[in-house]
Amino acid sequence: MKKRRRTSFLLAYKAEEALRKAVAEAIAEHRRKGVPIAIWRNGKVVRIPAEQIEVREPQVEYRVSPRKRKKN
């Protein structure tokens, strides 16, 4: 059971990282093509013109270090 939880836990982090990268790529593409984006700010939809879009690298907040294997 532990292995299953760990696997799903790691999969969730990988999925979140992939989502962050996809969003960053989509935002960068909007900027390149000159297409505004819409965001949710203070309970309202706000359109950001392409020239005001800030393109940032996605931040990966979670790092899972591999466990050391026990030697027999």
N, C-alpha and C. Protein backbone atom coordinates (compact mmCIF):
# COMPACT_ATOMS: atom_id res chain seq x y z
N MET A 1 0.82 -1.20 0.00
CA MET A 1 0.00 0.00 0.00
C MET A 1 0.86 1.27 0.00
N LYS A 2 1.98 1.23 0.73
CA LYS A 2 2.84 2.40 0.78
C LYS A 2 3.39 2.75 -0.59
N LYS A 3 3.80 1.74 -1.35
CA LYS A 3 4.36 1.99 -2.66
C LYS A 3 3.34 2.65 -3.57
N ARG A 4 2.10 2.24 -3.48
CA ARG A 4 1.05 2.82 -4.31
C ARG A 4 0.84 4.29 -3.97
N ARG A 5 0.84 4.62 -2.69
CA ARG A 5 0.67 6.01 -2.28
C ARG A 5 1.84 6.86 -2.76
N ARG A 6 3.05 6.33 -2.62
CA ARG A 6 4.23 7.08 -3.04
C ARG A 6 4.20 7.31 -4.55
N THR A 7 3.80 6.30 -5.30
CA THR A 7 3.73 6.42 -6.75
C THR A 7 2.72 7.48 -7.15
N SER A 8 1.55 7.47 -6.55
CA SER A 8 0.53 8.46 -6.90
C SER A 8 0.95 9.85 -6.44
N PHE A 9 1.68 9.91 -5.33
CA PHE A 9 2.20 11.18 -4.82
C PHE A 9 3.19 11.77 -5.83
N LEU A 10 4.12 10.95 -6.32
CA LEU A 10 5.10 11.41 -7.30
C LEU A 10 4.42 11.78 -8.61
N LEU A 11 3.43 11.01 -9.01
CA LEU A 11 2.71 11.29 -10.24
C LEU A 11 2.00 12.65 -10.16
N ALA A 12 1.47 12.98 -9.00
CA ALA A 12 0.80 14.27 -8.82
C ALA A 12 1.79 15.42 -9.01
N TYR A 13 3.00 15.28 -8.50
CA TYR A 13 4.01 16.32 -8.67
C TYR A 13 4.42 16.45 -10.13
N LYS A 14 4.58 15.33 -10.80
CA LYS A 14 4.94 15.37 -12.22
C LYS A 14 3.83 16.02 -13.04
N ALA A 15 2.58 15.72 -12.71
CA ALA A 15 1.45 16.31 -13.42
C ALA A 15 1.41 17.82 -13.21
N GLU A 16 1.64 18.25 -11.98
CA GLU A 16 1.64 19.69 -11.70
C GLU A 16 2.77 20.39 -12.43
N GLU A 17 3.93 19.78 -12.48
CA GLU A 17 5.07 20.36 -13.19
C GLU A 17 4.76 20.48 -14.68
N ALA A 18 4.16 19.45 -15.26
CA ALA A 18 3.79 19.48 -16.68
C ALA A 18 2.76 20.58 -16.95
N LEU A 19 1.81 20.74 -16.04
CA LEU A 19 0.80 21.78 -16.19
C LEU A 19 1.43 23.17 -16.14
N ARG A 20 2.35 23.38 -15.22
CA ARG A 20 3.03 24.68 -15.12
C ARG A 20 3.80 24.99 -16.40
N LYS A 21 4.48 23.99 -16.95
CA LYS A 21 5.24 24.20 -18.19
C LYS A 21 4.30 24.53 -19.35
N ALA A 22 3.17 23.83 -19.43
CA ALA A 22 2.21 24.05 -20.51
C ALA A 22 1.62 25.46 -20.43
N VAL A 23 1.32 25.92 -19.22
CA VAL A 23 0.78 27.27 -19.05
C VAL A 23 1.82 28.31 -19.45
N ALA A 24 3.07 28.12 -19.03
CA ALA A 24 4.14 29.05 -19.38
C ALA A 24 4.32 29.12 -20.91
N GLU A 25 4.26 27.98 -21.58
CA GLU A 25 4.39 27.95 -23.04
C GLU A 25 3.21 28.66 -23.70
N ALA A 26 2.01 28.45 -23.19
CA ALA A 26 0.82 29.09 -23.76
C ALA A 26 0.89 30.61 -23.60
N ILE A 27 1.34 31.07 -22.45
CA ILE A 27 1.46 32.51 -22.21
C ILE A 27 2.52 33.11 -23.14
N ALA A 28 3.65 32.42 -23.28
CA ALA A 28 4.71 32.91 -24.18
C ALA A 28 4.22 32.97 -25.62
N GLU A 29 3.42 32.00 -26.02
CA GLU A 29 2.89 31.99 -27.38
C GLU A 29 1.92 33.16 -27.60
N HIS A 30 1.11 33.47 -26.63
CA HIS A 30 0.21 34.63 -26.73
C HIS A 30 1.02 35.90 -26.92
N ARG A 31 2.08 36.04 -26.15
CA ARG A 31 2.94 37.23 -26.26
C ARG A 31 3.55 37.33 -27.66
N ARG A 32 4.10 36.21 -28.16
CA ARG A 32 4.73 36.20 -29.50
C ARG A 32 3.74 36.56 -30.60
N LYS A 33 2.52 36.04 -30.49
CA LYS A 33 1.53 36.26 -31.55
C LYS A 33 0.75 37.57 -31.38
N GLY A 34 0.95 38.24 -30.25
CA GLY A 34 0.25 39.51 -30.03
C GLY A 34 -1.19 39.35 -29.61
N VAL A 35 -1.51 38.21 -29.00
CA VAL A 35 -2.89 37.93 -28.59
C VAL A 35 -3.01 38.18 -27.08
N PRO A 36 -4.00 38.97 -26.65
CA PRO A 36 -4.16 39.20 -25.21
C PRO A 36 -4.60 37.93 -24.48
N ILE A 37 -4.37 37.92 -23.18
CA ILE A 37 -4.84 36.80 -22.35
C ILE A 37 -5.86 37.33 -21.36
N ALA A 38 -6.69 36.44 -20.88
CA ALA A 38 -7.69 36.80 -19.86
C ALA A 38 -7.32 36.08 -18.57
N ILE A 39 -7.35 36.83 -17.47
CA ILE A 39 -7.05 36.26 -16.15
C ILE A 39 -8.17 36.62 -15.19
N TRP A 40 -8.20 35.94 -14.07
CA TRP A 40 -9.18 36.21 -13.02
C TRP A 40 -8.47 37.00 -11.93
N ARG A 41 -8.93 38.24 -11.66
CA ARG A 41 -8.30 39.08 -10.66
C ARG A 41 -9.39 39.78 -9.83
N ASN A 42 -9.33 39.57 -8.53
CA ASN A 42 -10.28 40.20 -7.61
C ASN A 42 -11.74 39.92 -7.98
N GLY A 43 -12.02 38.70 -8.37
CA GLY A 43 -13.39 38.31 -8.68
C GLY A 43 -13.90 38.76 -10.03
N LYS A 44 -13.00 39.28 -10.88
CA LYS A 44 -13.42 39.74 -12.20
C LYS A 44 -12.45 39.23 -13.26
N VAL A 45 -12.95 39.13 -14.49
CA VAL A 45 -12.10 38.75 -15.62
C VAL A 45 -11.42 40.02 -16.13
N VAL A 46 -10.09 39.92 -16.27
CA VAL A 46 -9.30 41.07 -16.75
C VAL A 46 -8.52 40.63 -17.98
N ARG A 47 -8.56 41.43 -19.04
CA ARG A 47 -7.77 41.14 -20.25
C ARG A 47 -6.44 41.86 -20.17
N ILE A 48 -5.37 41.12 -20.42
CA ILE A 48 -4.02 41.68 -20.40
C ILE A 48 -3.55 41.78 -21.86
N PRO A 49 -3.23 42.99 -22.32
CA PRO A 49 -2.72 43.13 -23.69
C PRO A 49 -1.40 42.38 -23.85
N ALA A 50 -1.14 41.90 -25.06
CA ALA A 50 0.06 41.08 -25.32
C ALA A 50 1.34 41.79 -24.92
N GLU A 51 1.42 43.09 -25.15
CA GLU A 51 2.66 43.82 -24.83
C GLU A 51 2.91 43.94 -23.32
N GLN A 52 1.89 43.68 -22.51
CA GLN A 52 2.05 43.74 -21.04
C GLN A 52 2.22 42.36 -20.40
N ILE A 53 2.18 41.32 -21.20
CA ILE A 53 2.32 39.96 -20.66
C ILE A 53 3.76 39.73 -20.23
N GLU A 54 3.94 39.27 -18.99
CA GLU A 54 5.26 38.93 -18.47
C GLU A 54 5.47 37.43 -18.65
N VAL A 55 6.49 37.06 -19.37
CA VAL A 55 6.80 35.65 -19.59
C VAL A 55 7.85 35.24 -18.58
N ARG A 56 7.52 34.24 -17.76
CA ARG A 56 8.45 33.74 -16.75
C ARG A 56 8.63 32.25 -16.94
N GLU A 57 9.76 31.77 -16.49
CA GLU A 57 10.00 30.33 -16.48
C GLU A 57 9.15 29.71 -15.39
N PRO A 58 8.58 28.54 -15.64
CA PRO A 58 7.77 27.91 -14.59
C PRO A 58 8.63 27.53 -13.39
N GLN A 59 8.12 27.77 -12.22
CA GLN A 59 8.82 27.44 -10.99
C GLN A 59 8.41 26.06 -10.53
N VAL A 60 9.38 25.23 -10.28
CA VAL A 60 9.10 23.90 -9.75
C VAL A 60 9.38 23.98 -8.25
N GLU A 61 8.33 23.83 -7.47
CA GLU A 61 8.46 24.01 -6.02
C GLU A 61 8.79 22.71 -5.30
N TYR A 62 8.47 21.60 -5.92
CA TYR A 62 8.61 20.33 -5.21
C TYR A 62 9.72 19.50 -5.82
N ARG A 63 10.59 19.02 -4.98
CA ARG A 63 11.64 18.11 -5.40
C ARG A 63 11.61 16.92 -4.47
N VAL A 64 11.54 15.77 -5.03
CA VAL A 64 11.53 14.55 -4.23
C VAL A 64 12.85 13.85 -4.48
N SER A 65 13.63 13.71 -3.43
CA SER A 65 14.92 13.05 -3.59
C SER A 65 14.73 11.54 -3.48
N PRO A 66 15.47 10.81 -4.30
CA PRO A 66 15.34 9.35 -4.23
C PRO A 66 15.88 8.82 -2.91
N ARG A 67 15.24 7.80 -2.42
CA ARG A 67 15.69 7.20 -1.16
C ARG A 67 16.91 6.34 -1.41
N LYS A 68 17.77 6.32 -0.46
CA LYS A 68 18.95 5.46 -0.57
C LYS A 68 18.53 4.02 -0.34
N ARG A 69 19.05 3.16 -1.16
CA ARG A 69 18.73 1.73 -1.01
C ARG A 69 19.57 1.14 0.09
N LYS A 70 18.95 0.24 0.80
CA LYS A 70 19.67 -0.47 1.87
C LYS A 70 20.54 -1.55 1.26
N LYS A 71 21.77 -1.63 1.72
CA LYS A 71 22.67 -2.68 1.26
C LYS A 71 22.57 -3.86 2.20
N ASN A 72 22.53 -5.04 1.65
CA ASN A 72 22.44 -6.25 2.47
C ASN A 72 23.80 -6.70 2.91
